[in-house]
Amino acid sequence: VWRQAENYGVPRIVFVNKMDKIGANFDFSVKSLHERLNANAIAVQMPIGAEDQFEGVIDLFDMVADVYDEDKLGANWETIPVPDEYKEEAESRREEMIEEIAEVDDDIMEKFLGGEEISNEELKAALRRATLELKAFPVFAGSAFKNKGVQMMLDGVV
């Protein structure tokens, strides 16, 4: 399917599904996209936990965490500040995301190298352009069966 989309020039976003299953590994999935499909996959989220400990996702643009209510099958979630135990990793991943977006957008690269502040709107617009131009592929995380992360992925489509 990926190669067909490549042949026909179809922009793509990626949803790493089944983060609640045994063996779930978001980083391995992103790495596989790079290595096996030669895709410039840019993680725009990071999971909170994995396997049976999967609780939600951290939005690397807004630096907030969406934590889901287990009893409601993803129908209800709470947006909270990034939990302390994930702050350092989330900040590191956000910086990595910004660098990856800068590599595909000259305006962002110029600001990045100049040490200027880059707004979320600018980052999102640059990633959208790069996605439409097939230069980058945003990567989201979640569990479709438990309806976790699906809403954010759908927001990423528009």
N, C-alpha and C. Protein backbone atom coordinates (compact mmCIF):
# COMPACT_ATOMS: atom_id res chain seq x y z
N VAL A 1 0.83 -1.18 0.00
CA VAL A 1 0.00 0.00 0.00
C VAL A 1 0.88 1.26 0.00
N TRP A 2 1.93 1.24 0.82
CA TRP A 2 2.83 2.40 0.90
C TRP A 2 3.44 2.70 -0.46
N ARG A 3 3.90 1.66 -1.14
CA ARG A 3 4.55 1.86 -2.44
C ARG A 3 3.55 2.36 -3.49
N GLN A 4 2.31 1.90 -3.43
CA GLN A 4 1.28 2.39 -4.34
C GLN A 4 1.03 3.87 -4.08
N ALA A 5 0.93 4.24 -2.81
CA ALA A 5 0.73 5.65 -2.46
C ALA A 5 1.91 6.48 -2.95
N GLU A 6 3.10 5.92 -2.85
CA GLU A 6 4.30 6.59 -3.35
C GLU A 6 4.20 6.80 -4.86
N ASN A 7 3.82 5.75 -5.58
CA ASN A 7 3.70 5.82 -7.04
C ASN A 7 2.69 6.87 -7.49
N TYR A 8 1.60 7.01 -6.75
CA TYR A 8 0.54 7.93 -7.14
C TYR A 8 0.64 9.29 -6.44
N GLY A 9 1.68 9.49 -5.66
CA GLY A 9 1.90 10.78 -5.01
C GLY A 9 0.85 11.14 -3.97
N VAL A 10 0.43 10.16 -3.19
CA VAL A 10 -0.59 10.38 -2.17
C VAL A 10 0.08 10.77 -0.84
N PRO A 11 -0.26 11.94 -0.29
CA PRO A 11 0.27 12.31 1.03
C PRO A 11 -0.23 11.33 2.09
N ARG A 12 0.60 11.10 3.12
CA ARG A 12 0.23 10.13 4.15
C ARG A 12 0.55 10.65 5.54
N ILE A 13 -0.25 10.18 6.50
CA ILE A 13 0.11 10.29 7.90
C ILE A 13 0.10 8.86 8.42
N VAL A 14 0.79 8.64 9.53
CA VAL A 14 0.94 7.28 10.06
C VAL A 14 0.33 7.23 11.46
N PHE A 15 -0.42 6.16 11.71
CA PHE A 15 -0.98 5.91 13.04
C PHE A 15 -0.42 4.59 13.52
N VAL A 16 0.44 4.64 14.54
CA VAL A 16 0.99 3.42 15.12
C VAL A 16 -0.08 2.89 16.07
N ASN A 17 -0.76 1.86 15.61
CA ASN A 17 -1.92 1.30 16.31
C ASN A 17 -1.49 0.22 17.31
N LYS A 18 -2.42 -0.21 18.11
CA LYS A 18 -2.25 -1.32 19.06
C LYS A 18 -1.15 -1.06 20.09
N MET A 19 -1.06 0.20 20.52
CA MET A 19 -0.07 0.53 21.54
C MET A 19 -0.38 -0.14 22.87
N ASP A 20 -1.57 -0.70 23.00
CA ASP A 20 -1.97 -1.38 24.23
C ASP A 20 -1.69 -2.88 24.21
N LYS A 21 -1.11 -3.38 23.13
CA LYS A 21 -0.86 -4.82 22.99
C LYS A 21 0.56 -5.19 23.41
N ILE A 22 0.74 -6.45 23.75
CA ILE A 22 2.06 -6.96 24.14
C ILE A 22 3.03 -6.78 22.98
N GLY A 23 4.20 -6.26 23.27
CA GLY A 23 5.22 -6.06 22.25
C GLY A 23 5.14 -4.70 21.57
N ALA A 24 4.19 -3.86 21.96
CA ALA A 24 4.06 -2.54 21.35
C ALA A 24 5.32 -1.71 21.60
N ASN A 25 5.84 -1.12 20.53
CA ASN A 25 7.05 -0.32 20.65
C ASN A 25 6.99 0.80 19.62
N PHE A 26 6.62 1.98 20.05
CA PHE A 26 6.46 3.13 19.17
C PHE A 26 7.76 3.49 18.47
N ASP A 27 8.85 3.55 19.22
CA ASP A 27 10.14 3.94 18.65
C ASP A 27 10.60 2.96 17.58
N PHE A 28 10.39 1.67 17.80
CA PHE A 28 10.75 0.66 16.82
C PHE A 28 9.93 0.86 15.54
N SER A 29 8.66 1.19 15.70
CA SER A 29 7.79 1.41 14.53
C SER A 29 8.26 2.60 13.71
N VAL A 30 8.61 3.69 14.38
CA VAL A 30 9.10 4.88 13.67
C VAL A 30 10.41 4.56 12.97
N LYS A 31 11.29 3.85 13.65
CA LYS A 31 12.57 3.45 13.06
C LYS A 31 12.35 2.56 11.84
N SER A 32 11.39 1.66 11.92
CA SER A 32 11.07 0.77 10.79
C SER A 32 10.58 1.56 9.58
N LEU A 33 9.81 2.61 9.82
CA LEU A 33 9.35 3.46 8.72
C LEU A 33 10.54 4.07 7.99
N HIS A 34 11.53 4.52 8.77
CA HIS A 34 12.74 5.09 8.18
C HIS A 34 13.51 4.04 7.38
N GLU A 35 13.74 2.90 8.00
CA GLU A 35 14.61 1.89 7.41
C GLU A 35 13.96 1.08 6.29
N ARG A 36 12.75 0.62 6.50
CA ARG A 36 12.12 -0.28 5.53
C ARG A 36 11.41 0.44 4.39
N LEU A 37 10.84 1.61 4.70
CA LEU A 37 10.08 2.32 3.67
C LEU A 37 10.77 3.59 3.21
N ASN A 38 11.94 3.86 3.78
CA ASN A 38 12.69 5.06 3.44
C ASN A 38 11.82 6.32 3.59
N ALA A 39 10.99 6.31 4.62
CA ALA A 39 10.06 7.41 4.86
C ALA A 39 10.65 8.38 5.88
N ASN A 40 10.46 9.65 5.63
CA ASN A 40 10.88 10.66 6.59
C ASN A 40 9.76 10.81 7.63
N ALA A 41 9.69 9.83 8.52
CA ALA A 41 8.65 9.78 9.54
C ALA A 41 9.01 10.71 10.69
N ILE A 42 8.08 11.62 11.03
CA ILE A 42 8.31 12.57 12.11
C ILE A 42 7.27 12.32 13.19
N ALA A 43 7.73 11.85 14.34
CA ALA A 43 6.83 11.59 15.46
C ALA A 43 6.34 12.93 16.02
N VAL A 44 5.03 13.11 16.05
CA VAL A 44 4.44 14.34 16.58
C VAL A 44 3.80 14.09 17.95
N GLN A 45 3.86 12.85 18.38
CA GLN A 45 3.37 12.44 19.69
C GLN A 45 4.34 11.45 20.28
N MET A 46 4.20 11.22 21.57
CA MET A 46 4.89 10.10 22.19
C MET A 46 3.90 9.42 23.12
N PRO A 47 3.94 8.10 23.19
CA PRO A 47 2.98 7.40 24.04
C PRO A 47 3.33 7.53 25.52
N ILE A 48 2.30 7.48 26.33
CA ILE A 48 2.49 7.39 27.78
C ILE A 48 2.28 5.93 28.12
N GLY A 49 3.37 5.25 28.37
CA GLY A 49 3.32 3.82 28.64
C GLY A 49 3.16 3.02 27.36
N ALA A 50 3.11 1.71 27.52
CA ALA A 50 2.92 0.79 26.40
C ALA A 50 2.33 -0.50 26.94
N GLU A 51 1.87 -1.30 26.02
CA GLU A 51 1.24 -2.58 26.36
C GLU A 51 0.08 -2.32 27.31
N ASP A 52 -0.05 -3.09 28.38
CA ASP A 52 -1.19 -2.91 29.28
C ASP A 52 -1.07 -1.65 30.13
N GLN A 53 0.06 -0.95 30.04
CA GLN A 53 0.26 0.31 30.78
C GLN A 53 0.03 1.54 29.90
N PHE A 54 -0.46 1.34 28.67
CA PHE A 54 -0.69 2.47 27.76
C PHE A 54 -1.85 3.32 28.29
N GLU A 55 -1.53 4.57 28.63
CA GLU A 55 -2.52 5.46 29.24
C GLU A 55 -2.97 6.59 28.34
N GLY A 56 -2.15 6.96 27.37
CA GLY A 56 -2.48 8.09 26.52
C GLY A 56 -1.28 8.54 25.72
N VAL A 57 -1.34 9.78 25.24
CA VAL A 57 -0.26 10.30 24.40
C VAL A 57 0.11 11.71 24.82
N ILE A 58 1.34 12.07 24.52
CA ILE A 58 1.82 13.43 24.75
C ILE A 58 1.93 14.12 23.40
N ASP A 59 1.28 15.26 23.28
CA ASP A 59 1.32 16.08 22.07
C ASP A 59 2.61 16.88 22.11
N LEU A 60 3.51 16.63 21.16
CA LEU A 60 4.81 17.29 21.17
C LEU A 60 4.75 18.73 20.67
N PHE A 61 3.64 19.13 20.05
CA PHE A 61 3.48 20.53 19.67
C PHE A 61 3.09 21.36 20.90
N ASP A 62 2.01 20.97 21.55
CA ASP A 62 1.47 21.74 22.66
C ASP A 62 2.05 21.35 24.01
N MET A 63 2.82 20.26 24.04
CA MET A 63 3.42 19.76 25.27
C MET A 63 2.38 19.57 26.37
N VAL A 64 1.33 18.84 26.01
CA VAL A 64 0.31 18.43 26.97
C VAL A 64 0.09 16.93 26.79
N ALA A 65 -0.47 16.32 27.82
CA ALA A 65 -0.74 14.88 27.77
C ALA A 65 -2.24 14.66 27.75
N ASP A 66 -2.68 13.76 26.89
CA ASP A 66 -4.08 13.33 26.86
C ASP A 66 -4.12 11.96 27.50
N VAL A 67 -4.73 11.90 28.68
CA VAL A 67 -4.81 10.66 29.45
C VAL A 67 -6.25 10.18 29.42
N TYR A 68 -6.43 8.90 29.11
CA TYR A 68 -7.76 8.35 28.89
C TYR A 68 -8.33 7.65 30.11
N ASP A 69 -9.64 7.74 30.24
CA ASP A 69 -10.39 7.04 31.27
C ASP A 69 -10.59 5.60 30.79
N GLU A 70 -9.99 4.66 31.48
CA GLU A 70 -10.05 3.23 31.09
C GLU A 70 -11.48 2.72 30.97
N ASP A 71 -12.36 3.18 31.83
CA ASP A 71 -13.72 2.65 31.87
C ASP A 71 -14.58 3.09 30.69
N LYS A 72 -14.21 4.14 30.01
CA LYS A 72 -15.05 4.71 28.96
C LYS A 72 -14.58 4.37 27.54
N LEU A 73 -13.64 3.46 27.40
CA LEU A 73 -13.11 3.06 26.09
C LEU A 73 -12.72 4.26 25.22
N GLY A 74 -12.01 5.18 25.81
CA GLY A 74 -11.48 6.31 25.06
C GLY A 74 -12.47 7.43 24.79
N ALA A 75 -13.71 7.28 25.25
CA ALA A 75 -14.71 8.33 25.01
C ALA A 75 -14.38 9.59 25.81
N ASN A 76 -13.77 9.41 26.96
CA ASN A 76 -13.40 10.55 27.81
C ASN A 76 -11.90 10.55 28.04
N TRP A 77 -11.33 11.72 27.94
CA TRP A 77 -9.92 11.87 28.27
C TRP A 77 -9.72 13.23 28.93
N GLU A 78 -8.63 13.33 29.61
CA GLU A 78 -8.30 14.56 30.30
C GLU A 78 -6.98 15.08 29.73
N THR A 79 -6.95 16.35 29.39
CA THR A 79 -5.72 16.98 28.93
C THR A 79 -5.06 17.61 30.14
N ILE A 80 -3.84 17.14 30.41
CA ILE A 80 -3.11 17.57 31.60
C ILE A 80 -1.70 18.00 31.20
N PRO A 81 -0.99 18.71 32.07
CA PRO A 81 0.43 18.99 31.79
C PRO A 81 1.19 17.66 31.68
N VAL A 82 2.28 17.69 30.95
CA VAL A 82 3.10 16.48 30.80
C VAL A 82 3.53 16.00 32.19
N PRO A 83 3.27 14.72 32.50
CA PRO A 83 3.69 14.20 33.81
C PRO A 83 5.20 14.35 34.01
N ASP A 84 5.60 14.62 35.24
CA ASP A 84 7.00 14.88 35.55
C ASP A 84 7.94 13.79 35.04
N GLU A 85 7.52 12.53 35.14
CA GLU A 85 8.41 11.44 34.73
C GLU A 85 8.62 11.37 33.21
N TYR A 86 7.83 12.14 32.44
CA TYR A 86 7.97 12.15 30.98
C TYR A 86 8.49 13.49 30.46
N LYS A 87 8.62 14.49 31.33
CA LYS A 87 8.97 15.84 30.88
C LYS A 87 10.27 15.90 30.10
N GLU A 88 11.32 15.33 30.65
CA GLU A 88 12.64 15.40 30.01
C GLU A 88 12.62 14.73 28.63
N GLU A 89 12.04 13.54 28.58
CA GLU A 89 11.97 12.82 27.31
C GLU A 89 11.10 13.56 26.30
N ALA A 90 9.98 14.11 26.76
CA ALA A 90 9.08 14.85 25.86
C ALA A 90 9.77 16.09 25.30
N GLU A 91 10.52 16.80 26.13
CA GLU A 91 11.24 17.98 25.66
C GLU A 91 12.30 17.60 24.64
N SER A 92 12.98 16.50 24.88
CA SER A 92 13.99 16.01 23.94
C SER A 92 13.35 15.62 22.61
N ARG A 93 12.22 14.94 22.69
CA ARG A 93 11.53 14.52 21.46
C ARG A 93 10.95 15.71 20.72
N ARG A 94 10.50 16.72 21.45
CA ARG A 94 9.99 17.93 20.79
C ARG A 94 11.12 18.60 20.01
N GLU A 95 12.28 18.71 20.64
CA GLU A 95 13.43 19.31 19.97
C GLU A 95 13.79 18.52 18.71
N GLU A 96 13.75 17.21 18.82
CA GLU A 96 14.02 16.34 17.67
C GLU A 96 12.98 16.57 16.57
N MET A 97 11.71 16.70 16.95
CA MET A 97 10.65 16.95 15.98
C MET A 97 10.89 18.28 15.26
N ILE A 98 11.25 19.31 16.01
CA ILE A 98 11.50 20.62 15.41
C ILE A 98 12.67 20.54 14.43
N GLU A 99 13.74 19.84 14.81
CA GLU A 99 14.89 19.67 13.91
C GLU A 99 14.47 18.96 12.62
N GLU A 100 13.65 17.92 12.76
CA GLU A 100 13.21 17.16 11.58
C GLU A 100 12.32 18.00 10.67
N ILE A 101 11.47 18.83 11.26
CA ILE A 101 10.64 19.73 10.45
C ILE A 101 11.53 20.77 9.78
N ALA A 102 12.53 21.27 10.50
CA ALA A 102 13.45 22.26 9.93
C ALA A 102 14.20 21.71 8.73
N GLU A 103 14.49 20.42 8.74
CA GLU A 103 15.21 19.80 7.62
C GLU A 103 14.41 19.80 6.33
N VAL A 104 13.09 19.94 6.41
CA VAL A 104 12.26 19.91 5.20
C VAL A 104 11.60 21.26 4.91
N ASP A 105 11.90 22.28 5.70
CA ASP A 105 11.29 23.60 5.49
C ASP A 105 12.34 24.69 5.72
N ASP A 106 12.63 25.45 4.68
CA ASP A 106 13.68 26.47 4.75
C ASP A 106 13.39 27.58 5.76
N ASP A 107 12.12 28.01 5.85
CA ASP A 107 11.77 29.09 6.78
C ASP A 107 12.01 28.66 8.23
N ILE A 108 11.61 27.43 8.54
CA ILE A 108 11.80 26.91 9.89
C ILE A 108 13.30 26.71 10.15
N MET A 109 14.02 26.22 9.15
CA MET A 109 15.47 26.02 9.29
C MET A 109 16.17 27.33 9.61
N GLU A 110 15.78 28.38 8.91
CA GLU A 110 16.39 29.69 9.12
C GLU A 110 16.16 30.16 10.57
N LYS A 111 14.93 30.03 11.04
CA LYS A 111 14.62 30.43 12.42
C LYS A 111 15.34 29.53 13.42
N PHE A 112 15.37 28.24 13.13
CA PHE A 112 16.00 27.27 14.02
C PHE A 112 17.49 27.58 14.18
N LEU A 113 18.16 27.79 13.05
CA LEU A 113 19.60 28.08 13.10
C LEU A 113 19.89 29.45 13.71
N GLY A 114 18.94 30.37 13.55
CA GLY A 114 19.10 31.70 14.12
C GLY A 114 18.74 31.76 15.60
N GLY A 115 18.29 30.64 16.13
CA GLY A 115 17.92 30.60 17.55
C GLY A 115 16.64 31.34 17.86
N GLU A 116 15.84 31.61 16.83
CA GLU A 116 14.58 32.32 17.04
C GLU A 116 13.50 31.37 17.56
N GLU A 117 12.52 31.94 18.22
CA GLU A 117 11.37 31.17 18.70
C GLU A 117 10.50 30.79 17.50
N ILE A 118 10.07 29.54 17.46
CA ILE A 118 9.21 29.05 16.38
C ILE A 118 7.88 28.69 17.00
N SER A 119 6.81 29.31 16.50
CA SER A 119 5.49 29.06 17.08
C SER A 119 4.95 27.70 16.63
N ASN A 120 4.00 27.18 17.40
CA ASN A 120 3.36 25.93 17.02
C ASN A 120 2.64 26.05 15.69
N GLU A 121 2.04 27.21 15.43
CA GLU A 121 1.34 27.43 14.17
C GLU A 121 2.31 27.32 12.99
N GLU A 122 3.49 27.91 13.15
CA GLU A 122 4.51 27.82 12.10
C GLU A 122 4.97 26.38 11.90
N LEU A 123 5.18 25.67 13.00
CA LEU A 123 5.61 24.27 12.91
C LEU A 123 4.56 23.41 12.23
N LYS A 124 3.30 23.58 12.64
CA LYS A 124 2.22 22.78 12.05
C LYS A 124 2.04 23.10 10.57
N ALA A 125 2.12 24.37 10.21
CA ALA A 125 1.99 24.76 8.80
C ALA A 125 3.14 24.17 7.97
N ALA A 126 4.34 24.21 8.52
CA ALA A 126 5.50 23.65 7.81
C ALA A 126 5.36 22.14 7.64
N LEU A 127 4.91 21.47 8.70
CA LEU A 127 4.73 20.01 8.61
C LEU A 127 3.62 19.67 7.62
N ARG A 128 2.57 20.47 7.59
CA ARG A 128 1.48 20.24 6.63
C ARG A 128 2.00 20.37 5.20
N ARG A 129 2.77 21.44 4.93
CA ARG A 129 3.34 21.62 3.59
C ARG A 129 4.24 20.44 3.23
N ALA A 130 5.09 20.05 4.16
CA ALA A 130 6.02 18.94 3.90
C ALA A 130 5.26 17.64 3.65
N THR A 131 4.15 17.44 4.36
CA THR A 131 3.34 16.24 4.17
C THR A 131 2.71 16.25 2.78
N LEU A 132 2.14 17.37 2.39
CA LEU A 132 1.50 17.47 1.07
C LEU A 132 2.52 17.34 -0.06
N GLU A 133 3.76 17.76 0.20
CA GLU A 133 4.82 17.66 -0.80
C GLU A 133 5.56 16.33 -0.72
N LEU A 134 5.09 15.42 0.15
CA LEU A 134 5.67 14.08 0.33
C LEU A 134 7.10 14.12 0.86
N LYS A 135 7.45 15.18 1.58
CA LYS A 135 8.78 15.30 2.17
C LYS A 135 8.83 14.74 3.58
N ALA A 136 7.66 14.61 4.22
CA ALA A 136 7.60 14.13 5.61
C ALA A 136 6.26 13.46 5.86
N PHE A 137 6.26 12.59 6.88
CA PHE A 137 5.05 11.84 7.24
C PHE A 137 4.88 11.89 8.75
N PRO A 138 3.89 12.66 9.25
CA PRO A 138 3.66 12.74 10.69
C PRO A 138 3.25 11.38 11.26
N VAL A 139 3.73 11.08 12.46
CA VAL A 139 3.43 9.79 13.09
C VAL A 139 2.70 10.03 14.41
N PHE A 140 1.56 9.37 14.54
CA PHE A 140 0.72 9.44 15.74
C PHE A 140 0.71 8.07 16.41
N ALA A 141 0.32 8.02 17.69
CA ALA A 141 0.27 6.76 18.43
C ALA A 141 -1.10 6.58 19.04
N GLY A 142 -1.50 5.31 19.22
CA GLY A 142 -2.77 5.07 19.89
C GLY A 142 -3.22 3.63 19.83
N SER A 143 -4.47 3.46 20.19
CA SER A 143 -5.12 2.16 20.14
C SER A 143 -6.51 2.37 19.57
N ALA A 144 -6.72 1.98 18.33
CA ALA A 144 -8.01 2.19 17.68
C ALA A 144 -9.12 1.43 18.40
N PHE A 145 -8.83 0.21 18.83
CA PHE A 145 -9.85 -0.61 19.50
C PHE A 145 -10.35 0.05 20.78
N LYS A 146 -9.43 0.65 21.53
CA LYS A 146 -9.82 1.32 22.78
C LYS A 146 -10.06 2.81 22.57
N ASN A 147 -10.02 3.25 21.30
CA ASN A 147 -10.31 4.63 20.93
C ASN A 147 -9.38 5.63 21.63
N LYS A 148 -8.13 5.26 21.80
CA LYS A 148 -7.14 6.14 22.43
C LYS A 148 -6.23 6.71 21.34
N GLY A 149 -6.15 8.02 21.29
CA GLY A 149 -5.29 8.67 20.31
C GLY A 149 -5.92 8.87 18.95
N VAL A 150 -7.08 8.29 18.74
CA VAL A 150 -7.74 8.37 17.43
C VAL A 150 -8.18 9.81 17.13
N GLN A 151 -8.73 10.49 18.12
CA GLN A 151 -9.21 11.86 17.91
C GLN A 151 -8.07 12.78 17.48
N MET A 152 -6.91 12.63 18.12
CA MET A 152 -5.77 13.48 17.78
C MET A 152 -5.26 13.16 16.38
N MET A 153 -5.28 11.88 16.03
CA MET A 153 -4.86 11.50 14.68
C MET A 153 -5.81 12.10 13.65
N LEU A 154 -7.11 12.06 13.91
CA LEU A 154 -8.08 12.65 12.99
C LEU A 154 -7.90 14.16 12.89
N ASP A 155 -7.57 14.80 14.00
CA ASP A 155 -7.26 16.23 13.97
C ASP A 155 -6.04 16.48 13.09
N GLY A 156 -5.10 15.55 13.11
CA GLY A 156 -3.91 15.66 12.28
C GLY A 156 -4.20 15.58 10.79
N VAL A 157 -5.29 14.92 10.44
CA VAL A 157 -5.67 14.80 9.03
C VAL A 157 -6.07 16.17 8.49
N VAL A 158 -6.79 16.92 9.30
CA VAL A 158 -7.24 18.24 8.85
C VAL A 158 -6.27 19.30 9.30
